[in-house]
């Protein structure tokens, strides 16, 4: 079987990530791969925000503050979980879609393109020998989080891609039978 096909069939998210993260040069290669996502009319609807080092602590405070704004009665455990979420990996990438009015490319298609870019980040990270996981949750859809990240009104978070070195063995993901998911019309 083709090595690339084998790679694609076995990629999975890394539940635990540790240092080191990819270098700045490696991240540039990862972003070059992400920018090959399908992009009808070459709108280039995606952009990427790196959150690493001490900025993860600041972003954790943003997540805690916005949790309390959404859920004022959140308990200390939930607040600590939100605050510590960015510390799950040495580097996070906020994948952002910039929605642009276009006669042939609806917003949904632009979101799909940015989602494909996020997936390409995961694939490129894995190809370089690192691990990653894509997270969303309420924070990804919270306008307050988006504002704290500096997003414009026409921008949205597609997800947060956590990146680092896989800590432990890959998850045992069950093999699925393609025939269970494919039909002919």
N, C-alpha and C. Protein backbone atom coordinates (compact mmCIF):
# COMPACT_ATOMS: atom_id res chain seq x y z
N UNK A 1 0.85 -1.19 0.00
CA UNK A 1 0.00 0.00 0.00
C UNK A 1 0.89 1.25 0.00
N UNK A 2 0.46 2.24 -0.69
CA UNK A 2 1.16 3.51 -0.77
C UNK A 2 1.41 4.08 0.63
N UNK A 3 2.63 4.56 0.89
CA UNK A 3 2.99 5.10 2.22
C UNK A 3 2.10 6.28 2.62
N UNK A 4 1.77 7.15 1.68
CA UNK A 4 0.92 8.30 2.01
C UNK A 4 -0.47 7.83 2.39
N UNK A 5 -1.01 6.88 1.66
CA UNK A 5 -2.33 6.35 1.98
C UNK A 5 -2.32 5.68 3.35
N UNK A 6 -1.28 4.92 3.63
CA UNK A 6 -1.13 4.28 4.95
C UNK A 6 -1.09 5.34 6.05
N UNK A 7 -0.33 6.39 5.83
CA UNK A 7 -0.22 7.49 6.79
C UNK A 7 -1.61 8.11 7.06
N UNK A 8 -2.35 8.39 5.99
CA UNK A 8 -3.67 9.00 6.14
C UNK A 8 -4.64 8.09 6.88
N UNK A 9 -4.53 6.81 6.66
CA UNK A 9 -5.44 5.85 7.29
C UNK A 9 -5.13 5.60 8.76
N UNK A 10 -3.96 6.03 9.22
CA UNK A 10 -3.58 5.76 10.61
C UNK A 10 -3.40 7.02 11.46
N UNK A 11 -3.53 8.20 10.90
CA UNK A 11 -3.39 9.42 11.68
C UNK A 11 -4.51 9.49 12.72
N UNK A 12 -4.17 9.90 13.91
CA UNK A 12 -5.19 10.14 14.93
C UNK A 12 -4.71 11.22 15.88
N UNK A 13 -5.64 11.79 16.60
CA UNK A 13 -5.30 12.87 17.52
C UNK A 13 -4.50 12.33 18.70
N UNK A 14 -3.60 13.16 19.19
CA UNK A 14 -2.77 12.80 20.34
C UNK A 14 -3.43 13.36 21.59
N UNK A 15 -3.87 12.51 22.51
CA UNK A 15 -4.55 13.02 23.70
C UNK A 15 -3.63 13.74 24.68
N UNK A 16 -2.32 13.42 24.64
CA UNK A 16 -1.36 14.07 25.52
C UNK A 16 -0.20 14.59 24.68
N UNK A 17 0.12 15.87 24.88
CA UNK A 17 1.19 16.51 24.12
C UNK A 17 2.18 17.16 25.06
N UNK A 18 3.45 17.07 24.74
CA UNK A 18 4.51 17.65 25.56
C UNK A 18 5.46 18.43 24.66
N UNK A 19 6.41 19.11 25.29
CA UNK A 19 7.47 19.79 24.54
C UNK A 19 8.41 18.72 23.99
N UNK A 20 9.05 18.99 22.89
CA UNK A 20 9.04 20.25 22.16
C UNK A 20 7.90 20.31 21.14
N UNK A 21 7.59 21.53 20.76
CA UNK A 21 6.70 21.79 19.63
C UNK A 21 7.57 21.92 18.39
N UNK A 22 6.97 21.93 17.23
CA UNK A 22 7.76 22.18 16.02
C UNK A 22 8.46 23.54 16.11
N UNK A 23 9.59 23.64 15.47
CA UNK A 23 10.33 24.90 15.42
C UNK A 23 9.58 25.91 14.56
N UNK A 24 10.01 27.15 14.60
CA UNK A 24 9.39 28.19 13.77
C UNK A 24 9.49 27.82 12.29
N UNK A 25 10.63 27.28 11.87
CA UNK A 25 10.79 26.88 10.47
C UNK A 25 9.84 25.74 10.13
N UNK A 26 9.70 24.78 11.03
CA UNK A 26 8.76 23.68 10.79
C UNK A 26 7.32 24.19 10.75
N UNK A 27 6.99 25.14 11.61
CA UNK A 27 5.63 25.70 11.59
C UNK A 27 5.35 26.39 10.26
N UNK A 28 6.34 27.04 9.69
CA UNK A 28 6.14 27.66 8.38
C UNK A 28 5.83 26.61 7.33
N UNK A 29 6.50 25.48 7.39
CA UNK A 29 6.20 24.37 6.47
C UNK A 29 4.79 23.83 6.71
N UNK A 30 4.40 23.73 7.96
CA UNK A 30 3.06 23.27 8.31
C UNK A 30 2.01 24.23 7.74
N UNK A 31 2.24 25.52 7.88
CA UNK A 31 1.28 26.51 7.35
C UNK A 31 1.25 26.49 5.83
N UNK A 32 2.39 26.22 5.21
CA UNK A 32 2.40 26.10 3.74
C UNK A 32 1.50 24.94 3.30
N UNK A 33 1.53 23.86 4.06
CA UNK A 33 0.64 22.72 3.75
C UNK A 33 -0.82 23.12 3.97
N UNK A 34 -1.09 23.84 5.05
CA UNK A 34 -2.47 24.25 5.36
C UNK A 34 -3.04 25.15 4.26
N UNK A 35 -2.20 25.97 3.68
CA UNK A 35 -2.67 26.90 2.66
C UNK A 35 -2.92 26.24 1.31
N UNK A 36 -2.78 24.92 1.25
CA UNK A 36 -3.14 24.15 0.06
C UNK A 36 -4.55 23.59 0.17
N UNK A 37 -5.27 24.00 1.21
CA UNK A 37 -6.66 23.55 1.38
C UNK A 37 -7.49 24.00 0.19
N UNK A 38 -8.53 23.24 -0.16
CA UNK A 38 -9.42 23.67 -1.25
C UNK A 38 -9.91 25.10 -0.99
N UNK A 39 -9.89 25.90 -2.03
CA UNK A 39 -10.17 27.32 -1.87
C UNK A 39 -10.79 27.86 -3.16
N UNK A 40 -12.11 27.69 -3.26
CA UNK A 40 -12.85 28.15 -4.43
C UNK A 40 -12.66 29.65 -4.62
N UNK A 41 -12.27 30.06 -5.81
CA UNK A 41 -12.06 31.46 -6.21
C UNK A 41 -10.85 32.10 -5.53
N UNK A 42 -10.01 31.31 -4.94
CA UNK A 42 -8.78 31.80 -4.31
C UNK A 42 -9.04 32.94 -3.34
N UNK A 43 -10.04 32.78 -2.54
CA UNK A 43 -10.38 33.80 -1.53
C UNK A 43 -9.35 33.80 -0.40
N UNK A 44 -8.78 32.64 -0.14
CA UNK A 44 -7.85 32.46 0.96
C UNK A 44 -8.51 32.91 2.27
N UNK A 45 -9.57 32.18 2.65
CA UNK A 45 -10.39 32.63 3.77
C UNK A 45 -9.83 32.30 5.16
N UNK A 46 -8.63 31.76 5.23
CA UNK A 46 -8.10 31.33 6.51
C UNK A 46 -6.91 32.17 6.93
N UNK A 47 -6.73 32.21 8.24
CA UNK A 47 -5.50 32.74 8.82
C UNK A 47 -5.27 32.00 10.13
N UNK A 48 -4.07 32.12 10.66
CA UNK A 48 -3.66 31.30 11.79
C UNK A 48 -3.01 32.16 12.86
N UNK A 49 -3.38 31.93 14.11
CA UNK A 49 -2.81 32.66 15.23
C UNK A 49 -2.08 31.66 16.12
N UNK A 50 -0.78 31.86 16.29
CA UNK A 50 0.03 30.99 17.14
C UNK A 50 -0.06 31.50 18.58
N UNK A 51 -0.29 30.58 19.50
CA UNK A 51 -0.29 30.88 20.93
C UNK A 51 0.70 29.91 21.57
N UNK A 52 1.81 30.44 22.08
CA UNK A 52 2.83 29.57 22.65
C UNK A 52 3.50 30.25 23.84
N UNK A 53 4.32 29.49 24.54
CA UNK A 53 5.06 30.03 25.67
C UNK A 53 4.15 30.64 26.72
N UNK A 54 4.56 31.79 27.23
CA UNK A 54 3.80 32.48 28.28
C UNK A 54 2.43 32.94 27.80
N UNK A 55 2.27 33.12 26.52
CA UNK A 55 0.97 33.58 25.99
C UNK A 55 -0.11 32.53 26.25
N UNK A 56 0.27 31.27 26.42
CA UNK A 56 -0.71 30.24 26.77
C UNK A 56 -1.35 30.54 28.11
N UNK A 57 -0.56 31.07 29.06
CA UNK A 57 -1.10 31.44 30.36
C UNK A 57 -2.11 32.57 30.23
N UNK A 58 -1.76 33.57 29.41
CA UNK A 58 -2.67 34.70 29.19
C UNK A 58 -3.94 34.22 28.50
N UNK A 59 -3.80 33.32 27.56
CA UNK A 59 -4.98 32.80 26.87
C UNK A 59 -5.83 31.97 27.84
N UNK A 60 -5.20 31.27 28.76
CA UNK A 60 -5.95 30.55 29.78
C UNK A 60 -6.81 31.48 30.62
N UNK A 61 -6.28 32.65 30.93
CA UNK A 61 -7.07 33.64 31.68
C UNK A 61 -8.26 34.12 30.83
N UNK A 62 -8.04 34.30 29.54
CA UNK A 62 -9.14 34.68 28.63
C UNK A 62 -10.21 33.60 28.67
N UNK A 63 -9.80 32.34 28.60
CA UNK A 63 -10.77 31.25 28.60
C UNK A 63 -11.55 31.20 29.91
N UNK A 64 -10.87 31.44 31.02
CA UNK A 64 -11.56 31.46 32.32
C UNK A 64 -12.54 32.63 32.39
N UNK A 65 -12.10 33.83 32.00
CA UNK A 65 -12.97 35.02 32.04
C UNK A 65 -14.21 34.84 31.16
N UNK A 66 -14.01 34.31 29.98
CA UNK A 66 -15.15 34.16 29.07
C UNK A 66 -16.07 33.04 29.52
N UNK A 67 -15.51 32.02 30.17
CA UNK A 67 -16.36 30.98 30.77
C UNK A 67 -17.27 31.61 31.81
N UNK A 68 -16.70 32.46 32.66
CA UNK A 68 -17.50 33.10 33.71
C UNK A 68 -18.54 34.06 33.13
N UNK A 69 -18.22 34.67 31.98
CA UNK A 69 -19.21 35.53 31.33
C UNK A 69 -20.37 34.70 30.78
N UNK A 70 -20.07 33.51 30.25
CA UNK A 70 -21.11 32.61 29.71
C UNK A 70 -21.87 31.90 30.82
N UNK A 71 -21.13 31.51 31.86
CA UNK A 71 -21.67 30.69 32.94
C UNK A 71 -21.22 31.30 34.28
N UNK A 72 -21.92 32.33 34.74
CA UNK A 72 -21.48 33.01 35.96
C UNK A 72 -21.35 32.12 37.19
N UNK A 73 -22.08 31.02 37.21
CA UNK A 73 -22.01 30.13 38.37
C UNK A 73 -21.04 28.96 38.17
N UNK A 74 -20.13 29.09 37.21
CA UNK A 74 -19.14 28.03 36.98
C UNK A 74 -18.32 27.83 38.26
N UNK A 75 -18.11 26.58 38.63
CA UNK A 75 -17.36 26.31 39.87
C UNK A 75 -15.86 26.41 39.62
N UNK A 76 -15.12 26.29 40.71
CA UNK A 76 -13.67 26.45 40.65
C UNK A 76 -13.02 25.39 39.75
N UNK A 77 -13.56 24.18 39.76
CA UNK A 77 -13.02 23.11 38.91
C UNK A 77 -13.15 23.49 37.43
N UNK A 78 -14.31 23.99 37.04
CA UNK A 78 -14.51 24.40 35.64
C UNK A 78 -13.60 25.58 35.29
N UNK A 79 -13.46 26.53 36.21
CA UNK A 79 -12.58 27.68 35.96
C UNK A 79 -11.13 27.24 35.79
N UNK A 80 -10.67 26.32 36.65
CA UNK A 80 -9.30 25.81 36.53
C UNK A 80 -9.10 25.03 35.24
N UNK A 81 -10.11 24.26 34.84
CA UNK A 81 -10.03 23.50 33.58
C UNK A 81 -9.88 24.47 32.41
N UNK A 82 -10.68 25.53 32.41
CA UNK A 82 -10.60 26.52 31.33
C UNK A 82 -9.23 27.21 31.34
N UNK A 83 -8.78 27.62 32.52
CA UNK A 83 -7.51 28.32 32.63
C UNK A 83 -6.34 27.45 32.18
N UNK A 84 -6.41 26.16 32.47
CA UNK A 84 -5.30 25.26 32.17
C UNK A 84 -5.38 24.62 30.78
N UNK A 85 -6.48 24.81 30.08
CA UNK A 85 -6.65 24.17 28.76
C UNK A 85 -5.49 24.46 27.80
N UNK A 86 -5.02 25.70 27.70
CA UNK A 86 -3.93 25.95 26.75
C UNK A 86 -2.60 25.30 27.14
N UNK A 87 -2.50 24.81 28.37
CA UNK A 87 -1.26 24.19 28.82
C UNK A 87 -1.19 22.72 28.43
N UNK A 88 -2.21 22.22 27.72
CA UNK A 88 -2.21 20.82 27.28
C UNK A 88 -1.18 20.55 26.20
N UNK A 89 -0.64 21.62 25.61
CA UNK A 89 0.34 21.47 24.54
C UNK A 89 1.27 22.68 24.58
N UNK A 90 2.48 22.54 24.08
CA UNK A 90 3.39 23.68 24.08
C UNK A 90 3.04 24.76 23.06
N UNK A 91 2.17 24.44 22.11
CA UNK A 91 1.81 25.41 21.07
C UNK A 91 0.37 25.16 20.64
N UNK A 92 -0.37 26.24 20.46
CA UNK A 92 -1.73 26.17 19.94
C UNK A 92 -1.80 27.02 18.68
N UNK A 93 -2.63 26.61 17.77
CA UNK A 93 -2.93 27.41 16.58
C UNK A 93 -4.42 27.64 16.56
N UNK A 94 -4.81 28.91 16.65
CA UNK A 94 -6.22 29.25 16.44
C UNK A 94 -6.40 29.37 14.94
N UNK A 95 -7.25 28.52 14.38
CA UNK A 95 -7.54 28.55 12.95
C UNK A 95 -8.76 29.45 12.77
N UNK A 96 -8.58 30.48 11.96
CA UNK A 96 -9.59 31.53 11.80
C UNK A 96 -10.08 31.55 10.36
N UNK A 97 -11.39 31.73 10.18
CA UNK A 97 -11.95 31.94 8.85
C UNK A 97 -12.33 33.42 8.74
N UNK A 98 -11.93 34.03 7.64
CA UNK A 98 -12.33 35.40 7.33
C UNK A 98 -13.41 35.30 6.26
N UNK A 99 -14.64 35.66 6.64
CA UNK A 99 -15.79 35.53 5.73
C UNK A 99 -15.88 36.76 4.84
N UNK A 100 -15.89 36.50 3.54
CA UNK A 100 -15.90 37.56 2.53
C UNK A 100 -17.09 37.35 1.61
N UNK A 101 -17.86 38.40 1.40
CA UNK A 101 -18.98 38.31 0.44
C UNK A 101 -18.42 37.97 -0.93
N UNK A 102 -18.99 36.95 -1.56
CA UNK A 102 -18.54 36.54 -2.89
C UNK A 102 -19.73 35.92 -3.61
N UNK A 103 -19.96 36.27 -4.87
CA UNK A 103 -21.14 35.76 -5.57
C UNK A 103 -21.14 34.25 -5.79
N UNK A 104 -19.98 33.61 -5.80
CA UNK A 104 -19.92 32.18 -6.09
C UNK A 104 -19.47 31.32 -4.91
N UNK A 105 -19.07 31.98 -3.81
CA UNK A 105 -18.52 31.21 -2.69
C UNK A 105 -19.26 31.61 -1.41
N UNK A 106 -20.26 30.81 -1.04
CA UNK A 106 -21.02 31.14 0.18
C UNK A 106 -20.13 30.98 1.43
N UNK A 107 -20.59 31.59 2.51
CA UNK A 107 -19.84 31.53 3.76
C UNK A 107 -19.57 30.09 4.19
N UNK A 108 -20.52 29.20 3.99
CA UNK A 108 -20.32 27.81 4.39
C UNK A 108 -19.09 27.23 3.69
N UNK A 109 -18.94 27.51 2.42
CA UNK A 109 -17.80 27.00 1.67
C UNK A 109 -16.49 27.57 2.20
N UNK A 110 -16.52 28.82 2.62
CA UNK A 110 -15.32 29.44 3.19
C UNK A 110 -14.97 28.79 4.53
N UNK A 111 -15.98 28.47 5.31
CA UNK A 111 -15.75 27.75 6.58
C UNK A 111 -15.17 26.36 6.30
N UNK A 112 -15.70 25.69 5.28
CA UNK A 112 -15.19 24.36 4.93
C UNK A 112 -13.71 24.44 4.55
N UNK A 113 -13.35 25.48 3.80
CA UNK A 113 -11.95 25.65 3.39
C UNK A 113 -11.05 25.82 4.62
N UNK A 114 -11.48 26.64 5.57
CA UNK A 114 -10.69 26.84 6.78
C UNK A 114 -10.61 25.55 7.60
N UNK A 115 -11.69 24.78 7.61
CA UNK A 115 -11.67 23.49 8.31
C UNK A 115 -10.68 22.54 7.64
N UNK A 116 -10.64 22.56 6.32
CA UNK A 116 -9.66 21.74 5.60
C UNK A 116 -8.24 22.18 5.94
N UNK A 117 -8.04 23.49 6.10
CA UNK A 117 -6.71 23.99 6.49
C UNK A 117 -6.34 23.48 7.87
N UNK A 118 -7.31 23.46 8.80
CA UNK A 118 -7.04 22.93 10.14
C UNK A 118 -6.65 21.45 10.06
N UNK A 119 -7.36 20.70 9.24
CA UNK A 119 -7.02 19.28 9.08
C UNK A 119 -5.64 19.12 8.46
N UNK A 120 -5.32 19.97 7.50
CA UNK A 120 -4.00 19.90 6.88
C UNK A 120 -2.90 20.19 7.91
N UNK A 121 -3.18 21.09 8.86
CA UNK A 121 -2.21 21.34 9.93
C UNK A 121 -1.96 20.04 10.71
N UNK A 122 -3.05 19.36 11.06
CA UNK A 122 -2.90 18.10 11.79
C UNK A 122 -2.08 17.09 10.99
N UNK A 123 -2.34 16.99 9.70
CA UNK A 123 -1.60 16.04 8.86
C UNK A 123 -0.13 16.43 8.77
N UNK A 124 0.15 17.71 8.57
CA UNK A 124 1.54 18.16 8.44
C UNK A 124 2.30 18.00 9.75
N UNK A 125 1.64 18.28 10.86
CA UNK A 125 2.25 18.10 12.18
C UNK A 125 2.67 16.64 12.34
N UNK A 126 1.76 15.74 12.02
CA UNK A 126 2.02 14.30 12.14
C UNK A 126 3.13 13.88 11.18
N UNK A 127 3.13 14.43 9.97
CA UNK A 127 4.14 14.07 8.97
C UNK A 127 5.54 14.46 9.44
N UNK A 128 5.63 15.51 10.27
CA UNK A 128 6.92 15.94 10.79
C UNK A 128 7.30 15.22 12.08
N UNK A 129 6.48 14.25 12.50
CA UNK A 129 6.82 13.46 13.66
C UNK A 129 6.28 13.99 14.98
N UNK A 130 5.40 14.98 14.92
CA UNK A 130 4.80 15.54 16.12
C UNK A 130 3.38 15.01 16.25
N UNK A 131 2.65 15.50 17.24
CA UNK A 131 1.27 15.11 17.43
C UNK A 131 0.40 16.35 17.54
N UNK A 132 -0.89 16.16 17.32
CA UNK A 132 -1.81 17.29 17.42
C UNK A 132 -3.22 16.83 17.73
N UNK A 133 -4.02 17.77 18.16
CA UNK A 133 -5.45 17.51 18.35
C UNK A 133 -6.19 18.81 18.07
N UNK A 134 -7.40 18.66 17.53
CA UNK A 134 -8.26 19.79 17.16
C UNK A 134 -9.33 19.88 18.22
N UNK A 135 -9.44 21.04 18.86
CA UNK A 135 -10.44 21.24 19.90
C UNK A 135 -11.33 22.43 19.53
N UNK A 136 -12.57 22.33 19.93
CA UNK A 136 -13.48 23.47 19.79
C UNK A 136 -14.07 23.77 21.16
N UNK A 137 -15.28 23.35 21.42
CA UNK A 137 -15.93 23.68 22.68
C UNK A 137 -16.52 25.07 22.62
N UNK A 138 -17.17 25.45 23.69
CA UNK A 138 -17.88 26.73 23.74
C UNK A 138 -16.97 27.92 23.46
N UNK A 139 -15.71 27.84 23.90
CA UNK A 139 -14.79 28.96 23.71
C UNK A 139 -14.56 29.27 22.23
N UNK A 140 -14.56 28.24 21.39
CA UNK A 140 -14.31 28.45 19.96
C UNK A 140 -15.43 29.24 19.30
N UNK A 141 -16.62 29.22 19.91
CA UNK A 141 -17.77 29.89 19.30
C UNK A 141 -18.16 31.17 20.05
N UNK A 142 -17.34 31.56 21.00
CA UNK A 142 -17.62 32.70 21.87
C UNK A 142 -17.04 33.97 21.26
N UNK A 143 -17.90 34.94 20.95
CA UNK A 143 -17.43 36.20 20.35
C UNK A 143 -16.46 36.92 21.27
N UNK A 144 -16.61 36.77 22.59
CA UNK A 144 -15.67 37.42 23.50
C UNK A 144 -14.26 36.85 23.34
N UNK A 145 -14.15 35.54 23.16
CA UNK A 145 -12.84 34.93 22.91
C UNK A 145 -12.29 35.46 21.60
N UNK A 146 -13.14 35.52 20.59
CA UNK A 146 -12.69 36.00 19.27
C UNK A 146 -12.20 37.44 19.36
N UNK A 147 -12.90 38.27 20.11
CA UNK A 147 -12.47 39.67 20.27
C UNK A 147 -11.12 39.75 20.98
N UNK A 148 -10.93 38.93 22.03
CA UNK A 148 -9.65 38.93 22.76
C UNK A 148 -8.50 38.47 21.86
N UNK A 149 -8.81 37.63 20.87
CA UNK A 149 -7.79 37.20 19.90
C UNK A 149 -7.58 38.21 18.78
N UNK A 150 -8.39 39.27 18.79
CA UNK A 150 -8.23 40.32 17.77
C UNK A 150 -8.95 40.04 16.47
N UNK A 151 -9.94 39.17 16.48
CA UNK A 151 -10.68 38.88 15.26
C UNK A 151 -11.61 40.03 14.90
N UNK A 152 -11.78 40.24 13.62
CA UNK A 152 -12.71 41.25 13.11
C UNK A 152 -14.13 40.66 13.17
N UNK A 153 -15.12 41.50 12.95
CA UNK A 153 -16.52 41.05 13.00
C UNK A 153 -16.83 39.98 11.97
N UNK A 154 -16.09 39.97 10.86
CA UNK A 154 -16.34 38.98 9.81
C UNK A 154 -15.44 37.75 9.93
N UNK A 155 -14.84 37.57 11.10
CA UNK A 155 -13.97 36.42 11.32
C UNK A 155 -14.53 35.54 12.44
N UNK A 156 -14.23 34.25 12.34
CA UNK A 156 -14.67 33.27 13.33
C UNK A 156 -13.54 32.28 13.58
N UNK A 157 -13.55 31.69 14.77
CA UNK A 157 -12.62 30.61 15.08
C UNK A 157 -13.22 29.31 14.53
N UNK A 158 -12.43 28.58 13.78
CA UNK A 158 -12.82 27.26 13.29
C UNK A 158 -12.48 26.21 14.35
N UNK A 159 -11.38 26.42 15.02
CA UNK A 159 -10.96 25.51 16.08
C UNK A 159 -9.57 25.86 16.56
N UNK A 160 -9.18 25.21 17.64
CA UNK A 160 -7.85 25.37 18.20
C UNK A 160 -7.11 24.06 17.97
N UNK A 161 -5.99 24.13 17.28
CA UNK A 161 -5.17 22.94 17.03
C UNK A 161 -4.02 22.97 18.03
N UNK A 162 -4.00 21.97 18.91
CA UNK A 162 -2.96 21.84 19.91
C UNK A 162 -1.82 21.03 19.27
N UNK A 163 -0.58 21.50 19.45
CA UNK A 163 0.56 20.90 18.76
C UNK A 163 1.70 20.67 19.74
N UNK A 164 2.32 19.52 19.63
CA UNK A 164 3.50 19.22 20.44
C UNK A 164 4.03 17.84 20.09
N UNK A 165 4.78 17.29 21.00
CA UNK A 165 5.31 15.94 20.84
C UNK A 165 4.37 14.97 21.53
N UNK A 166 4.00 13.95 20.81
CA UNK A 166 3.08 12.94 21.36
C UNK A 166 3.69 12.37 22.64
N UNK A 167 2.91 12.41 23.70
CA UNK A 167 3.33 11.87 25.00
C UNK A 167 2.61 10.54 25.20
N UNK A 168 3.31 9.45 24.96
CA UNK A 168 2.70 8.13 25.04
C UNK A 168 2.44 7.58 23.65
N UNK A 169 1.88 6.40 23.62
CA UNK A 169 1.59 5.72 22.35
C UNK A 169 0.34 6.29 21.71
N UNK A 170 0.25 6.18 20.38
CA UNK A 170 -0.97 6.62 19.70
C UNK A 170 -2.18 5.83 20.23
N UNK A 171 -3.33 6.50 20.19
CA UNK A 171 -4.56 5.82 20.59
C UNK A 171 -4.82 4.65 19.66
N UNK A 172 -5.43 3.62 20.19
CA UNK A 172 -5.84 2.50 19.37
C UNK A 172 -7.22 2.85 18.79
N UNK A 173 -7.22 3.28 17.56
CA UNK A 173 -8.46 3.68 16.90
C UNK A 173 -8.99 2.48 16.12
N UNK A 174 -10.26 2.13 16.33
CA UNK A 174 -10.79 0.96 15.62
C UNK A 174 -10.80 1.17 14.11
N UNK A 175 -10.56 0.10 13.40
CA UNK A 175 -10.64 0.13 11.95
C UNK A 175 -12.11 0.07 11.55
N UNK A 176 -12.51 0.99 10.72
CA UNK A 176 -13.89 1.04 10.26
C UNK A 176 -13.98 0.43 8.87
N UNK A 177 -15.11 -0.15 8.57
CA UNK A 177 -15.35 -0.73 7.26
C UNK A 177 -15.95 0.36 6.38
N UNK A 178 -15.24 0.75 5.34
CA UNK A 178 -15.71 1.82 4.46
C UNK A 178 -17.09 1.51 3.88
N UNK A 179 -17.38 0.24 3.65
CA UNK A 179 -18.68 -0.13 3.08
C UNK A 179 -19.85 0.28 3.98
N UNK A 180 -19.59 0.41 5.28
CA UNK A 180 -20.65 0.84 6.20
C UNK A 180 -21.01 2.31 6.03
N UNK A 181 -20.17 3.07 5.33
CA UNK A 181 -20.35 4.52 5.21
C UNK A 181 -20.51 4.98 3.75
N UNK A 182 -20.50 4.04 2.83
CA UNK A 182 -20.52 4.38 1.41
C UNK A 182 -21.72 3.71 0.76
N UNK A 183 -22.40 4.45 -0.08
CA UNK A 183 -23.50 3.87 -0.86
C UNK A 183 -23.39 4.39 -2.28
N UNK A 184 -24.13 3.78 -3.15
CA UNK A 184 -24.17 4.20 -4.55
C UNK A 184 -25.57 4.70 -4.85
N UNK A 185 -25.66 5.78 -5.54
CA UNK A 185 -26.96 6.36 -5.88
C UNK A 185 -27.30 6.05 -7.31
